[in-house]
Amino acid sequence: SIRHSKLVQNPKSVLRVSNFVSLQCITCFILSYENSI
C-alpha cells in the first residue's frame, strides 16, 4: 500500500506502467494470433 500511494503521488509512473502493460498485451495478442494461423 506504500507503493500504491507512491504511484498515486506520481501519475507519470502510473501512465508508464499502464503503457507497458498495454504493450505487453498487444505483443501477447499478436503472438497468439500468429500461432492460431
Protein backbone atom coordinates (compact mmCIF):
# COMPACT_ATOMS: atom_id res chain seq x y z
CA SER A 1 0.00 0.00 0.00
CA ILE A 2 3.01 2.27 0.48
CA ARG A 3 3.95 1.52 -3.09
CA HIS A 4 0.44 2.32 -4.21
CA SER A 5 0.46 5.73 -2.54
CA LYS A 6 3.77 6.47 -4.24
CA LEU A 7 2.19 5.67 -7.57
CA VAL A 8 -0.77 7.89 -6.77
CA GLN A 9 1.60 10.74 -5.98
CA ASN A 10 3.34 10.24 -9.31
CA PRO A 11 0.80 9.97 -12.15
CA LYS A 12 3.54 9.76 -14.77
CA SER A 13 4.77 6.47 -13.35
CA VAL A 14 1.20 5.14 -13.44
CA LEU A 15 0.98 6.10 -17.10
CA ARG A 16 4.29 4.45 -17.82
CA VAL A 17 3.20 1.25 -16.09
CA SER A 18 -0.14 1.16 -17.91
CA ASN A 19 1.57 1.83 -21.23
CA PHE A 20 3.98 -1.01 -20.54
CA VAL A 21 1.14 -3.35 -19.63
CA SER A 22 -0.85 -2.48 -22.76
CA LEU A 23 2.28 -3.01 -24.84
CA GLN A 24 2.68 -6.46 -23.29
CA CYS A 25 -0.96 -7.24 -24.04
CA ILE A 26 -0.60 -6.18 -27.67
CA THR A 27 2.53 -8.28 -28.06
CA CYS A 28 0.79 -11.22 -26.44
CA PHE A 29 -2.23 -10.81 -28.68
CA ILE A 30 -0.10 -10.64 -31.83
CA LEU A 31 1.84 -13.74 -30.79
CA SER A 32 -1.31 -15.73 -30.09
CA TYR A 33 -2.84 -14.51 -33.34
CA GLU A 34 0.18 -15.66 -35.34
CA ASN A 35 0.10 -19.01 -33.56
CA SER A 36 -3.55 -19.53 -34.43
CA ILE A 37 -2.95 -19.14 -38.17
